[in-house]
PDB file of N, CA and C in Angstrom:
ATOM      1  N   MET A   1       2.112 -30.984  68.451  1.00  0.00           N
ATOM      2  CA  MET A   1       2.508 -30.121  67.343  1.00  0.00           C
ATOM      3  C   MET A   1       3.553 -30.855  66.507  1.00  0.00           C
ATOM      4  N   ASP A   2       3.443 -30.761  65.227  1.00  0.00           N
ATOM      5  CA  ASP A   2       4.363 -31.411  64.306  1.00  0.00           C
ATOM      6  C   ASP A   2       5.786 -30.878  64.482  1.00  0.00           C
ATOM      7  N   PHE A   3       6.779 -31.763  64.370  1.00  0.00           N
ATOM      8  CA  PHE A   3       8.184 -31.373  64.560  1.00  0.00           C
ATOM      9  C   PHE A   3       8.597 -30.249  63.617  1.00  0.00           C
ATOM     10  N   LEU A   4       8.202 -30.341  62.341  1.00  0.00           N
ATOM     11  CA  LEU A   4       8.601 -29.307  61.376  1.00  0.00           C
ATOM     12  C   LEU A   4       7.993 -27.951  61.713  1.00  0.00           C
ATOM     13  N   ILE A   5       6.786 -27.948  62.229  1.00  0.00           N
ATOM     14  CA  ILE A   5       6.161 -26.686  62.630  1.00  0.00           C
ATOM     15  C   ILE A   5       6.939 -26.075  63.789  1.00  0.00           C
ATOM     16  N   LYS A   6       7.315 -26.899  64.780  1.00  0.00           N
ATOM     17  CA  LYS A   6       8.111 -26.402  65.905  1.00  0.00           C
ATOM     18  C   LYS A   6       9.446 -25.858  65.415  1.00  0.00           C
ATOM     19  N   GLU A   7      10.083 -26.582  64.471  1.00  0.00           N
ATOM     20  CA  GLU A   7      11.366 -26.143  63.935  1.00  0.00           C
ATOM     21  C   GLU A   7      11.220 -24.806  63.210  1.00  0.00           C
ATOM     22  N   ASN A   8      10.167 -24.648  62.419  1.00  0.00           N
ATOM     23  CA  ASN A   8       9.940 -23.393  61.697  1.00  0.00           C
ATOM     24  C   ASN A   8       9.692 -22.237  62.654  1.00  0.00           C
ATOM     25  N   ILE A   9       8.968 -22.483  63.733  1.00  0.00           N
ATOM     26  CA  ILE A   9       8.726 -21.439  64.733  1.00  0.00           C
ATOM     27  C   ILE A   9      10.045 -21.020  65.368  1.00  0.00           C
ATOM     28  N   LEU A  10      10.902 -21.987  65.687  1.00  0.00           N
ATOM     29  CA  LEU A  10      12.209 -21.685  66.272  1.00  0.00           C
ATOM     30  C   LEU A  10      13.066 -20.881  65.302  1.00  0.00           C
ATOM     31  N   ILE A  11      13.083 -21.276  64.039  1.00  0.00           N
ATOM     32  CA  ILE A  11      13.857 -20.549  63.023  1.00  0.00           C
ATOM     33  C   ILE A  11      13.353 -19.118  62.910  1.00  0.00           C
ATOM     34  N   ASP A  12      12.031 -18.944  62.881  1.00  0.00           N
ATOM     35  CA  ASP A  12      11.459 -17.594  62.808  1.00  0.00           C
ATOM     36  C   ASP A  12      11.896 -16.744  63.998  1.00  0.00           C
ATOM     37  N   LYS A  13      11.930 -17.331  65.190  1.00  0.00           N
ATOM     38  CA  LYS A  13      12.340 -16.583  66.384  1.00  0.00           C
ATOM     39  C   LYS A  13      13.815 -16.197  66.312  1.00  0.00           C
ATOM     40  N   ILE A  14      14.658 -17.087  65.816  1.00  0.00           N
ATOM     41  CA  ILE A  14      16.087 -16.787  65.676  1.00  0.00           C
ATOM     42  C   ILE A  14      16.287 -15.630  64.705  1.00  0.00           C
ATOM     43  N   ILE A  15      15.596 -15.669  63.584  1.00  0.00           N
ATOM     44  CA  ILE A  15      15.708 -14.591  62.593  1.00  0.00           C
ATOM     45  C   ILE A  15      15.196 -13.280  63.171  1.00  0.00           C
ATOM     46  N   GLU A  16      14.058 -13.326  63.860  1.00  0.00           N
ATOM     47  CA  GLU A  16      13.492 -12.119  64.466  1.00  0.00           C
ATOM     48  C   GLU A  16      14.467 -11.496  65.465  1.00  0.00           C
ATOM     49  N   GLN A  17      15.093 -12.322  66.299  1.00  0.00           N
ATOM     50  CA  GLN A  17      16.052 -11.802  67.278  1.00  0.00           C
ATOM     51  C   GLN A  17      17.267 -11.186  66.590  1.00  0.00           C
ATOM     52  N   ALA A  18      17.730 -11.808  65.523  1.00  0.00           N
ATOM     53  CA  ALA A  18      18.878 -11.267  64.796  1.00  0.00           C
ATOM     54  C   ALA A  18      18.540  -9.910  64.184  1.00  0.00           C
ATOM     55  N   LEU A  19      17.338  -9.770  63.645  1.00  0.00           N
ATOM     56  CA  LEU A  19      16.929  -8.492  63.055  1.00  0.00           C
ATOM     57  C   LEU A  19      16.712  -7.426  64.125  1.00  0.00           C
ATOM     58  N   LEU A  20      16.092  -7.793  65.237  1.00  0.00           N
ATOM     59  CA  LEU A  20      15.838  -6.831  66.314  1.00  0.00           C
ATOM     60  C   LEU A  20      17.133  -6.277  66.898  1.00  0.00           C
ATOM     61  N   GLU A  21      18.175  -7.095  66.881  1.00  0.00           N
ATOM     62  CA  GLU A  21      19.471  -6.675  67.425  1.00  0.00           C
ATOM     63  C   GLU A  21      20.009  -5.433  66.703  1.00  0.00           C
ATOM     64  N   ASP A  22      19.693  -5.296  65.416  1.00  0.00           N
ATOM     65  CA  ASP A  22      20.250  -4.209  64.617  1.00  0.00           C
ATOM     66  C   ASP A  22      19.274  -3.070  64.352  1.00  0.00           C
ATOM     67  N   ILE A  23      18.055  -3.160  64.869  1.00  0.00           N
ATOM     68  CA  ILE A  23      17.096  -2.070  64.682  1.00  0.00           C
ATOM     69  C   ILE A  23      17.523  -0.888  65.549  1.00  0.00           C
ATOM     70  N   GLY A  24      17.349   0.292  65.017  1.00  0.00           N
ATOM     71  CA  GLY A  24      17.729   1.501  65.762  1.00  0.00           C
ATOM     72  C   GLY A  24      19.078   1.993  65.289  1.00  0.00           C
ATOM     73  N   THR A  25      20.135   1.598  65.985  1.00  0.00           N
ATOM     74  CA  THR A  25      21.472   2.075  65.621  1.00  0.00           C
ATOM     75  C   THR A  25      22.087   1.279  64.487  1.00  0.00           C
ATOM     76  N   GLY A  26      21.504   0.171  64.116  1.00  0.00           N
ATOM     77  CA  GLY A  26      22.054  -0.658  63.048  1.00  0.00           C
ATOM     78  C   GLY A  26      23.188  -1.527  63.552  1.00  0.00           C
ATOM     79  N   ASP A  27      23.848  -2.183  62.628  1.00  0.00           N
ATOM     80  CA  ASP A  27      24.978  -3.045  62.972  1.00  0.00           C
ATOM     81  C   ASP A  27      26.228  -2.176  63.007  1.00  0.00           C
ATOM     82  N   ILE A  28      26.576  -1.695  64.171  1.00  0.00           N
ATOM     83  CA  ILE A  28      27.665  -0.729  64.346  1.00  0.00           C
ATOM     84  C   ILE A  28      28.987  -1.273  63.826  1.00  0.00           C
ATOM     85  N   THR A  29      29.286  -2.530  64.103  1.00  0.00           N
ATOM     86  CA  THR A  29      30.558  -3.112  63.673  1.00  0.00           C
ATOM     87  C   THR A  29      30.660  -3.127  62.156  1.00  0.00           C
ATOM     88  N   SER A  30      29.646  -3.665  61.481  1.00  0.00           N
ATOM     89  CA  SER A  30      29.679  -3.732  60.018  1.00  0.00           C
ATOM     90  C   SER A  30      29.723  -2.346  59.398  1.00  0.00           C
ATOM     91  N   GLU A  31      28.929  -1.418  59.931  1.00  0.00           N
ATOM     92  CA  GLU A  31      28.897  -0.070  59.374  1.00  0.00           C
ATOM     93  C   GLU A  31      30.235   0.639  59.521  1.00  0.00           C
ATOM     94  N   SER A  32      31.004   0.310  60.548  1.00  0.00           N
ATOM     95  CA  SER A  32      32.275   1.000  60.764  1.00  0.00           C
ATOM     96  C   SER A  32      33.418   0.426  59.935  1.00  0.00           C
ATOM     97  N   ILE A  33      33.306  -0.824  59.474  1.00  0.00           N
ATOM     98  CA  ILE A  33      34.435  -1.415  58.748  1.00  0.00           C
ATOM     99  C   ILE A  33      34.127  -1.808  57.307  1.00  0.00           C
ATOM    100  N   VAL A  34      32.862  -1.822  56.910  1.00  0.00           N
ATOM    101  CA  VAL A  34      32.492  -2.222  55.557  1.00  0.00           C
ATOM    102  C   VAL A  34      31.865  -1.032  54.837  1.00  0.00           C
ATOM    103  N   PRO A  35      32.454  -0.605  53.697  1.00  0.00           N
ATOM    104  CA  PRO A  35      31.862   0.506  52.945  1.00  0.00           C
ATOM    105  C   PRO A  35      30.427   0.173  52.517  1.00  0.00           C
ATOM    106  N   SER A  36      29.541   1.159  52.566  1.00  0.00           N
ATOM    107  CA  SER A  36      28.124   0.915  52.275  1.00  0.00           C
ATOM    108  C   SER A  36      27.879   0.509  50.823  1.00  0.00           C
ATOM    109  N   ASP A  37      28.793   0.861  49.920  1.00  0.00           N
ATOM    110  CA  ASP A  37      28.604   0.524  48.509  1.00  0.00           C
ATOM    111  C   ASP A  37      29.363  -0.741  48.094  1.00  0.00           C
ATOM    112  N   LEU A  38      29.933  -1.455  49.042  1.00  0.00           N
ATOM    113  CA  LEU A  38      30.714  -2.650  48.748  1.00  0.00           C
ATOM    114  C   LEU A  38      29.828  -3.783  48.254  1.00  0.00           C
ATOM    115  N   LYS A  39      30.253  -4.421  47.170  1.00  0.00           N
ATOM    116  CA  LYS A  39      29.601  -5.626  46.664  1.00  0.00           C
ATOM    117  C   LYS A  39      30.676  -6.686  46.560  1.00  0.00           C
ATOM    118  N   ALA A  40      30.343  -7.907  46.885  1.00  0.00           N
ATOM    119  CA  ALA A  40      31.353  -8.965  46.893  1.00  0.00           C
ATOM    120  C   ALA A  40      30.784 -10.272  46.368  1.00  0.00           C
ATOM    121  N   LYS A  41      31.679 -11.100  45.869  1.00  0.00           N
ATOM    122  CA  LYS A  41      31.352 -12.460  45.451  1.00  0.00           C
ATOM    123  C   LYS A  41      32.327 -13.375  46.147  1.00  0.00           C
ATOM    124  N   GLY A  42      31.949 -14.590  46.321  1.00  0.00           N
ATOM    125  CA  GLY A  42      32.848 -15.545  46.957  1.00  0.00           C
ATOM    126  C   GLY A  42      32.793 -16.897  46.267  1.00  0.00           C
ATOM    127  N   ILE A  43      33.869 -17.614  46.370  1.00  0.00           N
ATOM    128  CA  ILE A  43      33.955 -18.974  45.846  1.00  0.00           C
ATOM    129  C   ILE A  43      34.449 -19.860  46.979  1.00  0.00           C
ATOM    130  N   ILE A  44      33.789 -20.954  47.166  1.00  0.00           N
ATOM    131  CA  ILE A  44      34.216 -21.910  48.186  1.00  0.00           C
ATOM    132  C   ILE A  44      34.813 -23.111  47.467  1.00  0.00           C
ATOM    133  N   LYS A  45      36.081 -23.365  47.721  1.00  0.00           N
ATOM    134  CA  LYS A  45      36.756 -24.527  47.137  1.00  0.00           C
ATOM    135  C   LYS A  45      37.050 -25.513  48.251  1.00  0.00           C
ATOM    136  N   THR A  46      36.767 -26.767  47.987  1.00  0.00           N
ATOM    137  CA  THR A  46      37.015 -27.799  48.988  1.00  0.00           C
ATOM    138  C   THR A  46      37.833 -28.929  48.381  1.00  0.00           C
ATOM    139  N   SER A  47      38.513 -29.640  49.229  1.00  0.00           N
ATOM    140  CA  SER A  47      39.274 -30.792  48.758  1.00  0.00           C
ATOM    141  C   SER A  47      38.435 -32.068  48.806  1.00  0.00           C
ATOM    142  N   GLU A  48      37.300 -31.995  49.491  1.00  0.00           N
ATOM    143  CA  GLU A  48      36.401 -33.140  49.591  1.00  0.00           C
ATOM    144  C   GLU A  48      34.958 -32.659  49.524  1.00  0.00           C
ATOM    145  N   GLU A  49      34.062 -33.597  49.241  1.00  0.00           N
ATOM    146  CA  GLU A  49      32.641 -33.260  49.269  1.00  0.00           C
ATOM    147  C   GLU A  49      32.239 -32.909  50.693  1.00  0.00           C
ATOM    148  N   GLY A  50      31.254 -32.039  50.818  1.00  0.00           N
ATOM    149  CA  GLY A  50      30.807 -31.641  52.143  1.00  0.00           C
ATOM    150  C   GLY A  50      29.321 -31.337  52.147  1.00  0.00           C
ATOM    151  N   VAL A  51      28.857 -30.847  53.254  1.00  0.00           N
ATOM    152  CA  VAL A  51      27.458 -30.484  53.427  1.00  0.00           C
ATOM    153  C   VAL A  51      27.400 -29.020  53.822  1.00  0.00           C
ATOM    154  N   VAL A  52      26.543 -28.264  53.149  1.00  0.00           N
ATOM    155  CA  VAL A  52      26.337 -26.865  53.498  1.00  0.00           C
ATOM    156  C   VAL A  52      25.099 -26.804  54.382  1.00  0.00           C
ATOM    157  N   ALA A  53      25.264 -26.291  55.581  1.00  0.00           N
ATOM    158  CA  ALA A  53      24.153 -26.225  56.526  1.00  0.00           C
ATOM    159  C   ALA A  53      23.680 -24.786  56.685  1.00  0.00           C
ATOM    160  N   GLY A  54      22.410 -24.599  56.962  1.00  0.00           N
ATOM    161  CA  GLY A  54      21.872 -23.286  57.265  1.00  0.00           C
ATOM    162  C   GLY A  54      21.323 -22.520  56.079  1.00  0.00           C
ATOM    163  N   LEU A  55      21.358 -23.095  54.878  1.00  0.00           N
ATOM    164  CA  LEU A  55      20.860 -22.367  53.710  1.00  0.00           C
ATOM    165  C   LEU A  55      19.373 -22.076  53.806  1.00  0.00           C
ATOM    166  N   ASP A  56      18.629 -22.934  54.478  1.00  0.00           N
ATOM    167  CA  ASP A  56      17.194 -22.693  54.612  1.00  0.00           C
ATOM    168  C   ASP A  56      16.899 -21.502  55.512  1.00  0.00           C
ATOM    169  N   ILE A  57      17.864 -21.072  56.298  1.00  0.00           N
ATOM    170  CA  ILE A  57      17.697 -19.902  57.161  1.00  0.00           C
ATOM    171  C   ILE A  57      18.293 -18.663  56.517  1.00  0.00           C
ATOM    172  N   ALA A  58      19.353 -18.820  55.771  1.00  0.00           N
ATOM    173  CA  ALA A  58      20.086 -17.679  55.199  1.00  0.00           C
ATOM    174  C   ALA A  58      19.250 -16.861  54.255  1.00  0.00           C
TER     175      ALA A  58
END
Protein backbone atom coordinates (compact mmCIF):
# COMPACT_ATOMS: atom_id res chain seq x y z
CA MET A 1 0.00 0.00 0.00
CA ASP A 2 1.29 3.45 -0.87
CA PHE A 3 2.65 5.50 2.06
CA LEU A 4 0.33 8.45 1.38
CA ILE A 5 -2.71 6.18 1.34
CA LYS A 6 -1.69 4.71 4.72
CA GLU A 7 -1.13 8.23 6.07
CA ASN A 8 -4.56 9.38 4.85
CA ILE A 9 -6.24 6.36 6.44
CA LEU A 10 -4.50 7.15 9.75
CA ILE A 11 -5.55 10.82 9.55
CA ASP A 12 -9.15 9.78 8.85
CA LYS A 13 -9.12 7.49 11.90
CA ILE A 14 -7.73 10.25 14.14
CA ILE A 15 -10.44 12.66 12.99
CA GLU A 16 -13.15 10.02 13.40
CA GLN A 17 -12.03 9.28 16.98
CA ALA A 18 -11.97 12.98 17.84
CA LEU A 19 -15.52 13.43 16.52
CA LEU A 20 -16.84 10.28 18.22
CA GLU A 21 -15.50 11.53 21.55
CA ASP A 22 -17.99 14.42 21.50
CA ILE A 23 -21.06 12.66 20.08
CA GLY A 24 -23.92 12.40 22.55
CA THR A 25 -23.14 14.76 25.41
CA GLY A 26 -20.89 16.99 23.31
CA ASP A 27 -17.68 18.61 24.46
CA ILE A 28 -18.61 19.24 28.09
CA THR A 29 -15.52 21.33 28.88
CA SER A 30 -15.92 23.71 25.93
CA GLU A 31 -19.68 24.02 26.44
CA SER A 32 -19.21 24.96 30.10
CA ILE A 33 -16.60 27.69 29.58
CA VAL A 34 -17.12 29.06 26.05
CA PRO A 35 -20.32 30.98 25.19
CA SER A 36 -22.14 29.35 22.25
CA ASP A 37 -22.29 32.64 20.32
CA LEU A 38 -18.59 33.47 20.75
CA LYS A 39 -16.63 34.29 17.60
CA ALA A 40 -12.90 34.91 17.69
CA LYS A 41 -9.96 35.83 15.51
CA GLY A 42 -6.32 35.28 16.24
CA ILE A 43 -2.99 36.60 15.07
CA ILE A 44 0.22 34.66 15.43
CA LYS A 45 3.33 36.83 15.66
CA THR A 46 6.76 35.26 15.61
CA SER A 47 10.27 36.57 15.95
CA GLU A 48 11.56 34.05 13.42
CA GLU A 49 10.28 32.09 10.46
CA GLY A 50 8.66 28.80 11.38
CA VAL A 51 6.65 25.88 10.13
CA VAL A 52 2.94 25.41 10.77
CA ALA A 53 2.13 21.73 11.14
CA GLY A 54 -1.24 19.99 11.05
CA LEU A 55 -3.08 22.32 8.67
CA ASP A 56 -3.92 19.41 6.39
CA ILE A 57 -5.84 17.85 9.29
CA ALA A 58 -7.39 20.98 10.78
